C-alpha atoms as a PDB file:
ATOM      1  CA  MET A   1       7.869  -3.414  13.035  1.00  0.00           C
ATOM      2  CA  SER A   2      10.151  -3.352   9.977  1.00  0.00           C
ATOM      3  CA  ALA A   3       8.814  -2.464   6.540  1.00  0.00           C
ATOM      4  CA  GLU A   4       9.486  -6.001   5.322  1.00  0.00           C
ATOM      5  CA  MET A   5       7.488  -7.482   8.212  1.00  0.00           C
ATOM      6  CA  VAL A   6       4.556  -5.122   7.574  1.00  0.00           C
ATOM      7  CA  VAL A   7       4.523  -6.073   3.885  1.00  0.00           C
ATOM      8  CA  SER A   8       4.751  -9.805   4.654  1.00  0.00           C
ATOM      9  CA  SER A   9       1.923  -9.567   7.192  1.00  0.00           C
ATOM     10  CA  LEU A  10      -0.326  -7.637   4.798  1.00  0.00           C
ATOM     11  CA  LEU A  11       0.271 -10.125   1.967  1.00  0.00           C
ATOM     12  CA  ARG A  12      -0.341 -13.128   4.214  1.00  0.00           C
ATOM     13  CA  LYS A  13      -3.563 -11.670   5.687  1.00  0.00           C
ATOM     14  CA  THR A  14      -4.830 -10.713   2.215  1.00  0.00           C
ATOM     15  CA  ASN A  15      -4.252 -14.245   0.945  1.00  0.00           C
ATOM     16  CA  GLN A  16      -5.883 -15.768   4.046  1.00  0.00           C
ATOM     17  CA  ASN A  17      -8.982 -13.658   3.385  1.00  0.00           C
ATOM     18  CA  GLY A  18      -9.284 -14.860  -0.217  1.00  0.00           C
ATOM     19  CA  GLY A  19      -7.631 -11.882  -1.879  1.00  0.00           C
ATOM     20  CA  PHE A  20      -4.469 -11.470  -3.899  1.00  0.00           C
ATOM     21  CA  GLY A  21      -1.393  -9.533  -2.821  1.00  0.00           C
ATOM     22  CA  ALA A  22       1.883  -8.921  -4.617  1.00  0.00           C
ATOM     23  CA  VAL A  23       5.097  -6.981  -4.149  1.00  0.00           C
ATOM     24  CA  LEU A  24       5.577  -4.768  -7.202  1.00  0.00           C
ATOM     25  CA  LYS A  25       8.780  -3.126  -5.908  1.00  0.00           C
ATOM     26  CA  LYS A  26      10.944  -4.054  -2.939  1.00  0.00           C
ATOM     27  CA  GLY A  27      12.291  -1.275  -0.793  1.00  0.00           C
ATOM     28  CA  ASP A  28      14.533  -1.019   2.237  1.00  0.00           C
ATOM     29  CA  ARG A  29      13.919  -4.003   4.514  1.00  0.00           C
ATOM     30  CA  ILE A  30      13.927  -1.982   7.718  1.00  0.00           C
ATOM     31  CA  SER A  31      12.657   1.526   7.148  1.00  0.00           C
ATOM     32  CA  GLY A  32      11.408   1.826   3.582  1.00  0.00           C
ATOM     33  CA  SER A  33       8.189   3.731   2.991  1.00  0.00           C
ATOM     34  CA  ILE A  34       5.270   1.603   1.817  1.00  0.00           C
ATOM     35  CA  LEU A  35       2.734   2.530  -0.841  1.00  0.00           C
ATOM     36  CA  ILE A  36      -0.241   0.198  -1.183  1.00  0.00           C
ATOM     37  CA  ILE A  37      -2.368  -0.013  -4.313  1.00  0.00           C
ATOM     38  CA  CYS A  38      -5.796  -1.249  -3.211  1.00  0.00           C
ATOM     39  CA  LEU A  39      -8.069  -2.835  -5.795  1.00  0.00           C
ATOM     40  CA  GLU A  40     -11.321  -4.745  -5.763  1.00  0.00           C
ATOM     41  CA  LYS A  41     -11.574  -7.304  -8.580  1.00  0.00           C
ATOM     42  CA  GLY A  42      -8.857  -5.410 -10.446  1.00  0.00           C
ATOM     43  CA  LYS A  43     -10.803  -2.142 -10.485  1.00  0.00           C
ATOM     44  CA  ASP A  44     -10.987   1.221  -8.757  1.00  0.00           C
ATOM     45  CA  PRO A  45      -7.362   1.692  -7.662  1.00  0.00           C
ATOM     46  CA  ARG A  46      -6.725   3.563  -4.437  1.00  0.00           C
ATOM     47  CA  LEU A  47      -3.253   4.371  -3.212  1.00  0.00           C
ATOM     48  CA  LEU A  48      -2.524   4.343   0.520  1.00  0.00           C
ATOM     49  CA  GLU A  49       0.445   5.819   2.323  1.00  0.00           C
ATOM     50  CA  LYS A  50       1.205   6.032   6.023  1.00  0.00           C
ATOM     51  CA  MET A  51       1.199   9.673   7.046  1.00  0.00           C
ATOM     52  CA  PRO A  52       2.361  11.254  10.302  1.00  0.00           C
ATOM     53  CA  SER A  53      -0.311  12.731  12.525  1.00  0.00           C
ATOM     54  CA  LEU A  54      -0.074  15.571  15.009  1.00  0.00           C
ATOM     55  CA  ALA A  55      -2.771  13.924  17.116  1.00  0.00           C
ATOM     56  CA  GLY A  56      -0.974  10.628  17.693  1.00  0.00           C
ATOM     57  CA  PRO A  57       0.444   7.689  15.760  1.00  0.00           C
ATOM     58  CA  SER A  58       0.767   7.654  11.977  1.00  0.00           C
ATOM     59  CA  THR A  59      -2.296   6.572  10.019  1.00  0.00           C
ATOM     60  CA  TRP A  60      -2.890   5.153   6.535  1.00  0.00           C
ATOM     61  CA  GLN A  61      -4.506   7.663   4.210  1.00  0.00           C
ATOM     62  CA  VAL A  62      -5.804   7.429   0.652  1.00  0.00           C
ATOM     63  CA  ILE A  63      -3.554   9.659  -1.451  1.00  0.00           C
ATOM     64  CA  TRP A  64      -4.694   8.664  -4.918  1.00  0.00           C
ATOM     65  CA  PRO A  65      -8.313   7.968  -5.804  1.00  0.00           C
ATOM     66  CA  GLN A  66      -8.392   7.496  -9.573  1.00  0.00           C
ATOM     67  CA  PRO A  67     -10.941   6.004 -11.979  1.00  0.00           C
ATOM     68  CA  ILE A  68      -9.550   3.093 -14.000  1.00  0.00           C
ATOM     69  CA  ASP A  69      -9.385   5.189 -17.200  1.00  0.00           C
ATOM     70  CA  LYS A  70      -6.756   7.381 -15.500  1.00  0.00           C
ATOM     71  CA  GLN A  71      -4.572   4.432 -14.489  1.00  0.00           C
ATOM     72  CA  GLN A  72      -1.733   5.721 -16.680  1.00  0.00           C
ATOM     73  CA  ASN A  73      -1.514   8.848 -14.540  1.00  0.00           C
ATOM     74  CA  LEU A  74      -1.141   6.674 -11.453  1.00  0.00           C
ATOM     75  CA  ASP A  75       1.642   4.724 -13.165  1.00  0.00           C
ATOM     76  CA  VAL A  76       3.475   7.972 -13.966  1.00  0.00           C
ATOM     77  CA  TYR A  77       3.092   9.107 -10.353  1.00  0.00           C
ATOM     78  CA  LEU A  78       4.445   5.785  -9.031  1.00  0.00           C
ATOM     79  CA  LYS A  79       7.461   5.895 -11.346  1.00  0.00           C
ATOM     80  CA  ARG A  80       8.247   9.434 -10.244  1.00  0.00           C
ATOM     81  CA  ARG A  81       7.916   8.526  -6.532  1.00  0.00           C
ATOM     82  CA  SER A  82      10.143   5.475  -7.039  1.00  0.00           C
ATOM     83  CA  SER A  83      12.823   7.569  -8.716  1.00  0.00           C
ATOM     84  CA  PHE A  84      12.857  10.006  -5.758  1.00  0.00           C
ATOM     85  CA  ASP A  85      12.737   7.250  -3.122  1.00  0.00           C
ATOM     86  CA  PRO A  86      14.692   4.108  -4.045  1.00  0.00           C
ATOM     87  CA  ASP A  87      13.877   2.598  -0.610  1.00  0.00           C
ATOM     88  CA  LEU A  88      10.138   2.653  -1.362  1.00  0.00           C
ATOM     89  CA  TRP A  89       8.019  -0.516  -1.238  1.00  0.00           C
ATOM     90  CA  LEU A  90       5.108  -0.795  -3.659  1.00  0.00           C
ATOM     91  CA  ILE A  91       2.555  -3.511  -3.014  1.00  0.00           C
ATOM     92  CA  GLU A  92      -0.817  -4.329  -4.501  1.00  0.00           C
ATOM     93  CA  LEU A  93      -3.747  -5.788  -2.584  1.00  0.00           C
ATOM     94  CA  ASP A  94      -6.803  -6.980  -4.508  1.00  0.00           C
ATOM     95  CA  ILE A  95      -9.470  -7.667  -1.911  1.00  0.00           C
ATOM     96  CA  PRO A  96     -12.742  -6.052  -0.800  1.00  0.00           C
ATOM     97  CA  ASP A  97     -12.220  -3.468   1.953  1.00  0.00           C
ATOM     98  CA  ALA A  98      -8.431  -3.401   1.553  1.00  0.00           C
ATOM     99  CA  GLU A  99      -8.232  -0.138   3.489  1.00  0.00           C
ATOM    100  CA  GLN A 100      -9.914  -1.787   6.490  1.00  0.00           C
ATOM    101  CA  LEU A 101      -7.544  -4.772   6.332  1.00  0.00           C
ATOM    102  CA  VAL A 102      -4.527  -2.432   6.218  1.00  0.00           C
ATOM    103  CA  ALA A 103      -5.821  -0.405   9.173  1.00  0.00           C
ATOM    104  CA  GLU A 104      -6.457  -3.547  11.256  1.00  0.00           C
ATOM    105  CA  MET A 105      -3.144  -5.186  10.417  1.00  0.00           C
ATOM    106  CA  THR A 106      -1.017  -2.128  11.134  1.00  0.00           C
ATOM    107  CA  ALA A 107      -2.844  -0.979  14.280  1.00  0.00           C
ATOM    108  CA  ILE A 108      -0.455  -3.230  16.208  1.00  0.00           C
ATOM    109  CA  ASP A 109       2.500  -1.722  14.327  1.00  0.00           C
END
């Protein structure tokens, strides 16, 4: 599944489940990496990225657990990643159990 299709599916499913999803940065339509900022009621940001696994298919892993008072550090990290990878997608999902939704939606990926 292309990166654009994964992003579209995640946003649609988030909205269907009463959450909010937004594209903060568009990347390469076909093969861009995707970073997902997961929030719940605008708080407790977690950053997910799909990582390769030696034991099988790639899985989504939390790569940035930060308290809200360290949000600026997350912003600096995201700017740096974007400068190194112009094909990167950055999306935000504000919904309870965002990690579970991402895992379910991309299991068919």
